[in-house]
Amino acid sequence: MTVSEIAKICNLEVLNMAEPEKGISGVFCCDLLSIVMGKAFAGCAWVTVMGNINSIAVAALADMACIILADGAAIDEVALTKAREQMITVLKSKNSIFETALAVHQAL
């Protein structure tokens, strides 16, 4: 399933759609960046509330399919600019991390 399909199916707000046809291989949830760097996997949809520039760097490092900001979390303008530069898709959900991750998992 692609990030554009997940965005539609799960009713996610698109903040930056870098690669609409990039495939999602699974879901990863965590807000502690050191754990994310060591355990996240390529192609994952990372569900978090961390909307800062460090999150963009971690997503690029792990070659994630996208970041999904849950619980209505915001992304700062510096991070959004960096996401555009680094070709990182950033989506947003009003739902909790659990509900968002479950919806993506079920859609996959």
PDB file of N, CA and C in Angstrom:
ATOM      1  N   MET A   1       0.849  -1.170   0.000  1.00  0.00           N
ATOM      2  CA  MET A   1       0.000   0.000   0.000  1.00  0.00           C
ATOM      3  C   MET A   1       0.900   1.240   0.000  1.00  0.00           C
ATOM      4  N   THR A   2       0.491   2.280  -0.702  1.00  0.00           N
ATOM      5  CA  THR A   2       1.299   3.490  -0.809  1.00  0.00           C
ATOM      6  C   THR A   2       0.882   4.541   0.223  1.00  0.00           C
ATOM      7  N   VAL A   3       1.748   5.532   0.412  1.00  0.00           N
ATOM      8  CA  VAL A   3       1.428   6.588   1.382  1.00  0.00           C
ATOM      9  C   VAL A   3       0.203   7.381   0.942  1.00  0.00           C
ATOM     10  N   SER A   4       0.024   7.588  -0.345  1.00  0.00           N
ATOM     11  CA  SER A   4      -1.164   8.330  -0.791  1.00  0.00           C
ATOM     12  C   SER A   4      -2.438   7.521  -0.531  1.00  0.00           C
ATOM     13  N   GLU A   5      -2.382   6.205  -0.695  1.00  0.00           N
ATOM     14  CA  GLU A   5      -3.547   5.360  -0.409  1.00  0.00           C
ATOM     15  C   GLU A   5      -3.868   5.366   1.084  1.00  0.00           C
ATOM     16  N   ILE A   6      -2.840   5.248   1.916  1.00  0.00           N
ATOM     17  CA  ILE A   6      -3.042   5.276   3.374  1.00  0.00           C
ATOM     18  C   ILE A   6      -3.644   6.610   3.801  1.00  0.00           C
ATOM     19  N   ALA A   7      -3.153   7.698   3.226  1.00  0.00           N
ATOM     20  CA  ALA A   7      -3.678   9.024   3.572  1.00  0.00           C
ATOM     21  C   ALA A   7      -5.174   9.098   3.298  1.00  0.00           C
ATOM     22  N   LYS A   8      -5.597   8.542   2.172  1.00  0.00           N
ATOM     23  CA  LYS A   8      -7.026   8.564   1.822  1.00  0.00           C
ATOM     24  C   LYS A   8      -7.838   7.623   2.702  1.00  0.00           C
ATOM     25  N   ILE A   9      -7.374   6.386   2.812  1.00  0.00           N
ATOM     26  CA  ILE A   9      -8.119   5.375   3.556  1.00  0.00           C
ATOM     27  C   ILE A   9      -8.279   5.761   5.027  1.00  0.00           C
ATOM     28  N   CYS A  10      -7.216   6.297   5.610  1.00  0.00           N
ATOM     29  CA  CYS A  10      -7.223   6.611   7.044  1.00  0.00           C
ATOM     30  C   CYS A  10      -7.612   8.056   7.334  1.00  0.00           C
ATOM     31  N   ASN A  11      -8.022   8.779   6.288  1.00  0.00           N
ATOM     32  CA  ASN A  11      -8.460  10.163   6.443  1.00  0.00           C
ATOM     33  C   ASN A  11      -7.410  11.030   7.134  1.00  0.00           C
ATOM     34  N   LEU A  12      -6.177  10.977   6.620  1.00  0.00           N
ATOM     35  CA  LEU A  12      -5.072  11.738   7.184  1.00  0.00           C
ATOM     36  C   LEU A  12      -4.876  13.037   6.422  1.00  0.00           C
ATOM     37  N   GLU A  13      -4.571  14.076   7.147  1.00  0.00           N
ATOM     38  CA  GLU A  13      -4.272  15.366   6.533  1.00  0.00           C
ATOM     39  C   GLU A  13      -2.860  15.318   5.962  1.00  0.00           C
ATOM     40  N   VAL A  14      -2.701  15.780   4.742  1.00  0.00           N
ATOM     41  CA  VAL A  14      -1.390  15.790   4.098  1.00  0.00           C
ATOM     42  C   VAL A  14      -0.708  17.131   4.384  1.00  0.00           C
ATOM     43  N   LEU A  15       0.425  17.075   5.064  1.00  0.00           N
ATOM     44  CA  LEU A  15       1.225  18.275   5.323  1.00  0.00           C
ATOM     45  C   LEU A  15       2.339  18.406   4.294  1.00  0.00           C
ATOM     46  N   ASN A  16       2.886  17.278   3.861  1.00  0.00           N
ATOM     47  CA  ASN A  16       3.872  17.238   2.790  1.00  0.00           C
ATOM     48  C   ASN A  16       3.808  15.858   2.149  1.00  0.00           C
ATOM     49  N   MET A  17       3.485  15.819   0.854  1.00  0.00           N
ATOM     50  CA  MET A  17       3.427  14.549   0.139  1.00  0.00           C
ATOM     51  C   MET A  17       4.627  14.504  -0.797  1.00  0.00           C
ATOM     52  N   ALA A  18       5.709  13.873  -0.340  1.00  0.00           N
ATOM     53  CA  ALA A  18       6.955  13.854  -1.090  1.00  0.00           C
ATOM     54  C   ALA A  18       6.954  12.786  -2.180  1.00  0.00           C
ATOM     55  N   GLU A  19       6.614  11.561  -1.802  1.00  0.00           N
ATOM     56  CA  GLU A  19       6.614  10.447  -2.750  1.00  0.00           C
ATOM     57  C   GLU A  19       5.304   9.675  -2.603  1.00  0.00           C
ATOM     58  N   PRO A  20       4.264  10.083  -3.326  1.00  0.00           N
ATOM     59  CA  PRO A  20       2.938   9.493  -3.144  1.00  0.00           C
ATOM     60  C   PRO A  20       2.884   7.987  -3.383  1.00  0.00           C
ATOM     61  N   GLU A  21       3.767   7.462  -4.216  1.00  0.00           N
ATOM     62  CA  GLU A  21       3.730   6.036  -4.550  1.00  0.00           C
ATOM     63  C   GLU A  21       4.687   5.194  -3.710  1.00  0.00           C
ATOM     64  N   LYS A  22       5.309   5.801  -2.703  1.00  0.00           N
ATOM     65  CA  LYS A  22       6.218   5.049  -1.845  1.00  0.00           C
ATOM     66  C   LYS A  22       5.420   4.041  -1.025  1.00  0.00           C
ATOM     67  N   GLY A  23       5.891   2.819  -0.998  1.00  0.00           N
ATOM     68  CA  GLY A  23       5.186   1.755  -0.301  1.00  0.00           C
ATOM     69  C   GLY A  23       5.425   1.769   1.202  1.00  0.00           C
ATOM     70  N   ILE A  24       4.410   1.341   1.928  1.00  0.00           N
ATOM     71  CA  ILE A  24       4.500   1.220   3.390  1.00  0.00           C
ATOM     72  C   ILE A  24       4.598  -0.260   3.731  1.00  0.00           C
ATOM     73  N   SER A  25       5.638  -0.599   4.500  1.00  0.00           N
ATOM     74  CA  SER A  25       5.889  -2.003   4.834  1.00  0.00           C
ATOM     75  C   SER A  25       5.394  -2.380   6.230  1.00  0.00           C
ATOM     76  N   GLY A  26       4.952  -1.406   7.015  1.00  0.00           N
ATOM     77  CA  GLY A  26       4.470  -1.672   8.366  1.00  0.00           C
ATOM     78  C   GLY A  26       4.350  -0.389   9.148  1.00  0.00           C
ATOM     79  N   VAL A  27       4.036  -0.518  10.426  1.00  0.00           N
ATOM     80  CA  VAL A  27       3.827   0.643  11.295  1.00  0.00           C
ATOM     81  C   VAL A  27       4.824   0.580  12.442  1.00  0.00           C
ATOM     82  N   PHE A  28       5.352   1.743  12.829  1.00  0.00           N
ATOM     83  CA  PHE A  28       6.240   1.837  13.985  1.00  0.00           C
ATOM     84  C   PHE A  28       5.763   2.993  14.856  1.00  0.00           C
ATOM     85  N   CYS A  29       5.670   2.762  16.167  1.00  0.00           N
ATOM     86  CA  CYS A  29       5.211   3.784  17.109  1.00  0.00           C
ATOM     87  C   CYS A  29       6.242   3.976  18.207  1.00  0.00           C
ATOM     88  N   CYS A  30       6.667   5.194  18.403  1.00  0.00           N
ATOM     89  CA  CYS A  30       7.573   5.520  19.495  1.00  0.00           C
ATOM     90  C   CYS A  30       7.859   7.019  19.436  1.00  0.00           C
ATOM     91  N   ASP A  31       8.064   7.629  20.603  1.00  0.00           N
ATOM     92  CA  ASP A  31       8.399   9.046  20.653  1.00  0.00           C
ATOM     93  C   ASP A  31       9.814   9.302  21.162  1.00  0.00           C
ATOM     94  N   LEU A  32      10.516   8.266  21.543  1.00  0.00           N
ATOM     95  CA  LEU A  32      11.885   8.427  22.023  1.00  0.00           C
ATOM     96  C   LEU A  32      12.825   8.223  20.841  1.00  0.00           C
ATOM     97  N   LEU A  33      13.440   9.309  20.364  1.00  0.00           N
ATOM     98  CA  LEU A  33      14.179   9.277  19.109  1.00  0.00           C
ATOM     99  C   LEU A  33      15.330   8.276  19.105  1.00  0.00           C
ATOM    100  N   SER A  34      15.990   8.077  20.224  1.00  0.00           N
ATOM    101  CA  SER A  34      17.095   7.117  20.254  1.00  0.00           C
ATOM    102  C   SER A  34      16.594   5.698  19.981  1.00  0.00           C
ATOM    103  N   ILE A  35      15.414   5.366  20.460  1.00  0.00           N
ATOM    104  CA  ILE A  35      14.833   4.049  20.180  1.00  0.00           C
ATOM    105  C   ILE A  35      14.397   3.971  18.722  1.00  0.00           C
ATOM    106  N   VAL A  36      13.791   5.026  18.229  1.00  0.00           N
ATOM    107  CA  VAL A  36      13.352   5.049  16.832  1.00  0.00           C
ATOM    108  C   VAL A  36      14.543   4.841  15.903  1.00  0.00           C
ATOM    109  N   MET A  37      15.659   5.514  16.185  1.00  0.00           N
ATOM    110  CA  MET A  37      16.844   5.372  15.333  1.00  0.00           C
ATOM    111  C   MET A  37      17.348   3.932  15.299  1.00  0.00           C
ATOM    112  N   GLY A  38      17.227   3.226  16.395  1.00  0.00           N
ATOM    113  CA  GLY A  38      17.735   1.869  16.450  1.00  0.00           C
ATOM    114  C   GLY A  38      16.770   0.789  16.019  1.00  0.00           C
ATOM    115  N   LYS A  39      15.482   1.073  16.047  1.00  0.00           N
ATOM    116  CA  LYS A  39      14.506   0.006  15.812  1.00  0.00           C
ATOM    117  C   LYS A  39      13.553   0.232  14.640  1.00  0.00           C
ATOM    118  N   ALA A  40      13.385   1.468  14.201  1.00  0.00           N
ATOM    119  CA  ALA A  40      12.482   1.715  13.068  1.00  0.00           C
ATOM    120  C   ALA A  40      13.061   1.058  11.815  1.00  0.00           C
ATOM    121  N   PHE A  41      12.196   0.711  10.895  1.00  0.00           N
ATOM    122  CA  PHE A  41      12.643  -0.014   9.710  1.00  0.00           C
ATOM    123  C   PHE A  41      12.275   0.740   8.433  1.00  0.00           C
ATOM    124  N   ALA A  42      13.038   0.474   7.406  1.00  0.00           N
ATOM    125  CA  ALA A  42      12.815   1.126   6.116  1.00  0.00           C
ATOM    126  C   ALA A  42      11.397   0.831   5.638  1.00  0.00           C
ATOM    127  N   GLY A  43      10.761   1.850   5.118  1.00  0.00           N
ATOM    128  CA  GLY A  43       9.420   1.699   4.569  1.00  0.00           C
ATOM    129  C   GLY A  43       8.297   1.780   5.575  1.00  0.00           C
ATOM    130  N   CYS A  44       8.630   2.013   6.842  1.00  0.00           N
ATOM    131  CA  CYS A  44       7.562   2.053   7.847  1.00  0.00           C
ATOM    132  C   CYS A  44       6.827   3.397   7.831  1.00  0.00           C
ATOM    133  N   ALA A  45       5.618   3.351   8.358  1.00  0.00           N
ATOM    134  CA  ALA A  45       4.863   4.564   8.658  1.00  0.00           C
ATOM    135  C   ALA A  45       5.092   4.804  10.142  1.00  0.00           C
ATOM    136  N   TRP A  46       5.790   5.879  10.471  1.00  0.00           N
ATOM    137  CA  TRP A  46       6.133   6.179  11.856  1.00  0.00           C
ATOM    138  C   TRP A  46       5.048   7.055  12.455  1.00  0.00           C
ATOM    139  N   VAL A  47       4.362   6.556  13.468  1.00  0.00           N
ATOM    140  CA  VAL A  47       3.298   7.298  14.146  1.00  0.00           C
ATOM    141  C   VAL A  47       3.886   7.871  15.428  1.00  0.00           C
ATOM    142  N   THR A  48       3.820   9.191  15.557  1.00  0.00           N
ATOM    143  CA  THR A  48       4.460   9.894  16.665  1.00  0.00           C
ATOM    144  C   THR A  48       3.747  11.217  16.923  1.00  0.00           C
ATOM    145  N   VAL A  49       4.154  11.903  17.977  1.00  0.00           N
ATOM    146  CA  VAL A  49       3.706  13.275  18.224  1.00  0.00           C
ATOM    147  C   VAL A  49       4.873  14.252  18.095  1.00  0.00           C
ATOM    148  N   MET A  50       6.022  13.747  17.660  1.00  0.00           N
ATOM    149  CA  MET A  50       7.237  14.558  17.564  1.00  0.00           C
ATOM    150  C   MET A  50       7.305  15.252  16.203  1.00  0.00           C
ATOM    151  N   GLY A  51       6.943  16.512  16.164  1.00  0.00           N
ATOM    152  CA  GLY A  51       6.928  17.251  14.909  1.00  0.00           C
ATOM    153  C   GLY A  51       8.035  18.279  14.833  1.00  0.00           C
ATOM    154  N   ASN A  52       9.277  17.826  15.019  1.00  0.00           N
ATOM    155  CA  ASN A  52      10.398  18.772  14.961  1.00  0.00           C
ATOM    156  C   ASN A  52      11.449  18.311  13.961  1.00  0.00           C
ATOM    157  N   ILE A  53      12.468  19.102  13.788  1.00  0.00           N
ATOM    158  CA  ILE A  53      13.494  18.825  12.783  1.00  0.00           C
ATOM    159  C   ILE A  53      14.239  17.529  13.069  1.00  0.00           C
ATOM    160  N   ASN A  54      14.378  17.161  14.335  1.00  0.00           N
ATOM    161  CA  ASN A  54      15.052  15.906  14.661  1.00  0.00           C
ATOM    162  C   ASN A  54      14.263  14.705  14.142  1.00  0.00           C
ATOM    163  N   SER A  55      12.953  14.797  14.168  1.00  0.00           N
ATOM    164  CA  SER A  55      12.118  13.721  13.642  1.00  0.00           C
ATOM    165  C   SER A  55      12.324  13.546  12.144  1.00  0.00           C
ATOM    166  N   ILE A  56      12.480  14.640  11.447  1.00  0.00           N
ATOM    167  CA  ILE A  56      12.719  14.573  10.004  1.00  0.00           C
ATOM    168  C   ILE A  56      14.048  13.881   9.735  1.00  0.00           C
ATOM    169  N   ALA A  57      15.056  14.225  10.511  1.00  0.00           N
ATOM    170  CA  ALA A  57      16.378  13.601  10.346  1.00  0.00           C
ATOM    171  C   ALA A  57      16.313  12.099  10.595  1.00  0.00           C
ATOM    172  N   VAL A  58      15.605  11.688  11.629  1.00  0.00           N
ATOM    173  CA  VAL A  58      15.477  10.266  11.962  1.00  0.00           C
ATOM    174  C   VAL A  58      14.708   9.536  10.857  1.00  0.00           C
ATOM    175  N   ALA A  59      13.660  10.139  10.338  1.00  0.00           N
ATOM    176  CA  ALA A  59      12.889   9.518   9.253  1.00  0.00           C
ATOM    177  C   ALA A  59      13.749   9.334   8.008  1.00  0.00           C
ATOM    178  N   ALA A  60      14.576  10.316   7.709  1.00  0.00           N
ATOM    179  CA  ALA A  60      15.469  10.213   6.553  1.00  0.00           C
ATOM    180  C   ALA A  60      16.519   9.127   6.786  1.00  0.00           C
ATOM    181  N   LEU A  61      17.079   9.091   7.982  1.00  0.00           N
ATOM    182  CA  LEU A  61      18.102   8.109   8.336  1.00  0.00           C
ATOM    183  C   LEU A  61      17.582   6.682   8.186  1.00  0.00           C
ATOM    184  N   ALA A  62      16.353   6.449   8.611  1.00  0.00           N
ATOM    185  CA  ALA A  62      15.768   5.107   8.567  1.00  0.00           C
ATOM    186  C   ALA A  62      15.063   4.792   7.244  1.00  0.00           C
ATOM    187  N   ASP A  63      15.021   5.755   6.322  1.00  0.00           N
ATOM    188  CA  ASP A  63      14.334   5.590   5.040  1.00  0.00           C
ATOM    189  C   ASP A  63      12.875   5.171   5.233  1.00  0.00           C
ATOM    190  N   MET A  64      12.194   5.891   6.113  1.00  0.00           N
ATOM    191  CA  MET A  64      10.788   5.614   6.393  1.00  0.00           C
ATOM    192  C   MET A  64       9.914   6.032   5.216  1.00  0.00           C
ATOM    193  N   ALA A  65       8.755   5.410   5.114  1.00  0.00           N
ATOM    194  CA  ALA A  65       7.803   5.790   4.076  1.00  0.00           C
ATOM    195  C   ALA A  65       7.167   7.135   4.394  1.00  0.00           C
ATOM    196  N   CYS A  66       6.874   7.366   5.688  1.00  0.00           N
ATOM    197  CA  CYS A  66       6.238   8.617   6.083  1.00  0.00           C
ATOM    198  C   CYS A  66       6.254   8.769   7.597  1.00  0.00           C
ATOM    199  N   ILE A  67       6.009   9.985   8.011  1.00  0.00           N
ATOM    200  CA  ILE A  67       5.753  10.293   9.414  1.00  0.00           C
ATOM    201  C   ILE A  67       4.271  10.638   9.510  1.00  0.00           C
ATOM    202  N   ILE A  68       3.595  10.086  10.504  1.00  0.00           N
ATOM    203  CA  ILE A  68       2.210  10.448  10.768  1.00  0.00           C
ATOM    204  C   ILE A  68       2.165  11.074  12.153  1.00  0.00           C
ATOM    205  N   LEU A  69       1.844  12.353  12.198  1.00  0.00           N
ATOM    206  CA  LEU A  69       1.724  13.057  13.471  1.00  0.00           C
ATOM    207  C   LEU A  69       0.333  12.797  14.027  1.00  0.00           C
ATOM    208  N   ALA A  70       0.295  12.116  15.155  1.00  0.00           N
ATOM    209  CA  ALA A  70      -0.977  11.723  15.756  1.00  0.00           C
ATOM    210  C   ALA A  70      -1.426  12.725  16.810  1.00  0.00           C
ATOM    211  N   ASP A  71      -2.644  12.556  17.256  1.00  0.00           N
ATOM    212  CA  ASP A  71      -3.211  13.341  18.357  1.00  0.00           C
ATOM    213  C   ASP A  71      -3.243  14.839  18.034  1.00  0.00           C
ATOM    214  N   GLY A  72      -3.326  15.158  16.740  1.00  0.00           N
ATOM    215  CA  GLY A  72      -3.373  16.551  16.317  1.00  0.00           C
ATOM    216  C   GLY A  72      -2.075  17.310  16.509  1.00  0.00           C
ATOM    217  N   ALA A  73      -0.973  16.583  16.701  1.00  0.00           N
ATOM    218  CA  ALA A  73       0.330  17.232  16.934  1.00  0.00           C
ATOM    219  C   ALA A  73       0.713  18.111  15.748  1.00  0.00           C
ATOM    220  N   ALA A  74       1.384  19.197  16.055  1.00  0.00           N
ATOM    221  CA  ALA A  74       1.805  20.153  15.030  1.00  0.00           C
ATOM    222  C   ALA A  74       3.251  19.891  14.629  1.00  0.00           C
ATOM    223  N   ILE A  75       3.597  20.383  13.459  1.00  0.00           N
ATOM    224  CA  ILE A  75       4.976  20.365  13.000  1.00  0.00           C
ATOM    225  C   ILE A  75       5.421  21.812  12.862  1.00  0.00           C
ATOM    226  N   ASP A  76       6.622  22.114  13.315  1.00  0.00           N
ATOM    227  CA  ASP A  76       7.077  23.496  13.188  1.00  0.00           C
ATOM    228  C   ASP A  76       7.539  23.762  11.756  1.00  0.00           C
ATOM    229  N   GLU A  77       7.585  25.030  11.400  1.00  0.00           N
ATOM    230  CA  GLU A  77       7.878  25.424  10.012  1.00  0.00           C
ATOM    231  C   GLU A  77       9.271  24.998   9.575  1.00  0.00           C
ATOM    232  N   VAL A  78      10.239  25.034  10.475  1.00  0.00           N
ATOM    233  CA  VAL A  78      11.608  24.599  10.145  1.00  0.00           C
ATOM    234  C   VAL A  78      11.600  23.122   9.766  1.00  0.00           C
ATOM    235  N   ALA A  79      10.898  22.319  10.538  1.00  0.00           N
ATOM    236  CA  ALA A  79      10.824  20.888  10.261  1.00  0.00           C
ATOM    237  C   ALA A  79      10.081  20.610   8.956  1.00  0.00           C
ATOM    238  N   LEU A  80       9.014  21.337   8.700  1.00  0.00           N
ATOM    239  CA  LEU A  80       8.264  21.141   7.463  1.00  0.00           C
ATOM    240  C   LEU A  80       9.112  21.505   6.244  1.00  0.00           C
ATOM    241  N   THR A  81       9.869  22.566   6.350  1.00  0.00           N
ATOM    242  CA  THR A  81      10.781  22.954   5.268  1.00  0.00           C
ATOM    243  C   THR A  81      11.810  21.859   5.029  1.00  0.00           C
ATOM    244  N   LYS A  82      12.370  21.310   6.107  1.00  0.00           N
ATOM    245  CA  LYS A  82      13.358  20.235   6.001  1.00  0.00           C
ATOM    246  C   LYS A  82      12.725  18.976   5.413  1.00  0.00           C
ATOM    247  N   ALA A  83      11.476  18.689   5.767  1.00  0.00           N
ATOM    248  CA  ALA A  83      10.772  17.531   5.198  1.00  0.00           C
ATOM    249  C   ALA A  83      10.638  17.679   3.682  1.00  0.00           C
ATOM    250  N   ARG A  84      10.342  18.871   3.236  1.00  0.00           N
ATOM    251  CA  ARG A  84      10.249  19.121   1.786  1.00  0.00           C
ATOM    252  C   ARG A  84      11.602  18.912   1.117  1.00  0.00           C
ATOM    253  N   GLU A  85      12.656  19.423   1.741  1.00  0.00           N
ATOM    254  CA  GLU A  85      14.011  19.286   1.195  1.00  0.00           C
ATOM    255  C   GLU A  85      14.460  17.826   1.169  1.00  0.00           C
ATOM    256  N   GLN A  86      14.141  17.071   2.214  1.00  0.00           N
ATOM    257  CA  GLN A  86      14.588  15.688   2.346  1.00  0.00           C
ATOM    258  C   GLN A  86      13.625  14.671   1.724  1.00  0.00           C
ATOM    259  N   MET A  87      12.546  15.154   1.119  1.00  0.00           N
ATOM    260  CA  MET A  87      11.549  14.290   0.486  1.00  0.00           C
ATOM    261  C   MET A  87      10.936  13.307   1.496  1.00  0.00           C
ATOM    262  N   ILE A  88      10.501  13.841   2.641  1.00  0.00           N
ATOM    263  CA  ILE A  88       9.850  13.050   3.672  1.00  0.00           C
ATOM    264  C   ILE A  88       8.359  13.401   3.673  1.00  0.00           C
ATOM    265  N   THR A  89       7.526  12.412   3.500  1.00  0.00           N
ATOM    266  CA  THR A  89       6.076  12.629   3.562  1.00  0.00           C
ATOM    267  C   THR A  89       5.663  12.778   5.019  1.00  0.00           C
ATOM    268  N   VAL A  90       4.871  13.813   5.296  1.00  0.00           N
ATOM    269  CA  VAL A  90       4.374  14.058   6.646  1.00  0.00           C
ATOM    270  C   VAL A  90       2.850  14.157   6.570  1.00  0.00           C
ATOM    271  N   LEU A  91       2.199  13.298   7.342  1.00  0.00           N
ATOM    272  CA  LEU A  91       0.748  13.257   7.411  1.00  0.00           C
ATOM    273  C   LEU A  91       0.314  13.570   8.838  1.00  0.00           C
ATOM    274  N   LYS A  92      -0.949  13.877   9.024  1.00  0.00           N
ATOM    275  CA  LYS A  92      -1.435  14.260  10.347  1.00  0.00           C
ATOM    276  C   LYS A  92      -2.773  13.597  10.627  1.00  0.00           C
ATOM    277  N   SER A  93      -2.938  13.160  11.892  1.00  0.00           N
ATOM    278  CA  SER A  93      -4.169  12.527  12.341  1.00  0.00           C
ATOM    279  C   SER A  93      -4.679  13.219  13.598  1.00  0.00           C
ATOM    280  N   LYS A  94      -5.991  13.314  13.715  1.00  0.00           N
ATOM    281  CA  LYS A  94      -6.597  13.844  14.946  1.00  0.00           C
ATOM    282  C   LYS A  94      -6.642  12.774  16.030  1.00  0.00           C
ATOM    283  N   ASN A  95      -6.530  11.520  15.620  1.00  0.00           N
ATOM    284  CA  ASN A  95      -6.671  10.398  16.548  1.00  0.00           C
ATOM    285  C   ASN A  95      -5.390  10.151  17.350  1.00  0.00           C
ATOM    286  N   SER A  96      -5.527   9.361  18.410  1.00  0.00           N
ATOM    287  CA  SER A  96      -4.384   9.016  19.249  1.00  0.00           C
ATOM    288  C   SER A  96      -3.359   8.195  18.466  1.00  0.00           C
ATOM    289  N   ILE A  97      -2.178   8.047  19.053  1.00  0.00           N
ATOM    290  CA  ILE A  97      -1.150   7.220  18.417  1.00  0.00           C
ATOM    291  C   ILE A  97      -1.679   5.814  18.200  1.00  0.00           C
ATOM    292  N   PHE A  98      -2.275   5.235  19.223  1.00  0.00           N
ATOM    293  CA  PHE A  98      -2.795   3.871  19.119  1.00  0.00           C
ATOM    294  C   PHE A  98      -3.836   3.761  18.009  1.00  0.00           C
ATOM    295  N   GLU A  99      -4.833   4.640  18.030  1.00  0.00           N
ATOM    296  CA  GLU A  99      -5.909   4.574  17.035  1.00  0.00           C
ATOM    297  C   GLU A  99      -5.373   4.773  15.613  1.00  0.00           C
ATOM    298  N   THR A 100      -4.430   5.696  15.476  1.00  0.00           N
ATOM    299  CA  THR A 100      -3.848   5.958  14.160  1.00  0.00           C
ATOM    300  C   THR A 100      -3.062   4.761  13.661  1.00  0.00           C
ATOM    301  N   ALA A 101      -2.204   4.214  14.526  1.00  0.00           N
ATOM    302  CA  ALA A 101      -1.397   3.052  14.142  1.00  0.00           C
ATOM    303  C   ALA A 101      -2.281   1.849  13.819  1.00  0.00           C
ATOM    304  N   LEU A 102      -3.322   1.644  14.600  1.00  0.00           N
ATOM    305  CA  LEU A 102      -4.243   0.537  14.361  1.00  0.00           C
ATOM    306  C   LEU A 102      -4.936   0.689  13.005  1.00  0.00           C
ATOM    307  N   ALA A 103      -5.367   1.898  12.684  1.00  0.00           N
ATOM    308  CA  ALA A 103      -6.033   2.151  11.404  1.00  0.00           C
ATOM    309  C   ALA A 103      -5.085   1.864  10.233  1.00  0.00           C
ATOM    310  N   VAL A 104      -3.848   2.319  10.348  1.00  0.00           N
ATOM    311  CA  VAL A 104      -2.869   2.064   9.279  1.00  0.00           C
ATOM    312  C   VAL A 104      -2.592   0.573   9.185  1.00  0.00           C
ATOM    313  N   HIS A 105      -2.381  -0.075  10.308  1.00  0.00           N
ATOM    314  CA  HIS A 105      -2.118  -1.512  10.326  1.00  0.00           C
ATOM    315  C   HIS A 105      -3.268  -2.278   9.662  1.00  0.00           C
ATOM    316  N   GLN A 106      -4.490  -1.946  10.005  1.00  0.00           N
ATOM    317  CA  GLN A 106      -5.651  -2.627   9.434  1.00  0.00           C
ATOM    318  C   GLN A 106      -5.771  -2.369   7.941  1.00  0.00           C
ATOM    319  N   ALA A 107      -5.399  -1.175   7.500  1.00  0.00           N
ATOM    320  CA  ALA A 107      -5.470  -0.843   6.078  1.00  0.00           C
ATOM    321  C   ALA A 107      -4.418  -1.614   5.279  1.00  0.00           C
ATOM    322  N   LEU A 108      -3.287  -1.868   5.912  1.00  0.00           N
ATOM    323  CA  LEU A 108      -2.229  -2.610   5.211  1.00  0.00           C
ATOM    324  C   LEU A 108      -2.641  -4.050   4.990  1.00  0.00           C
TER     325      LEU A 108
END
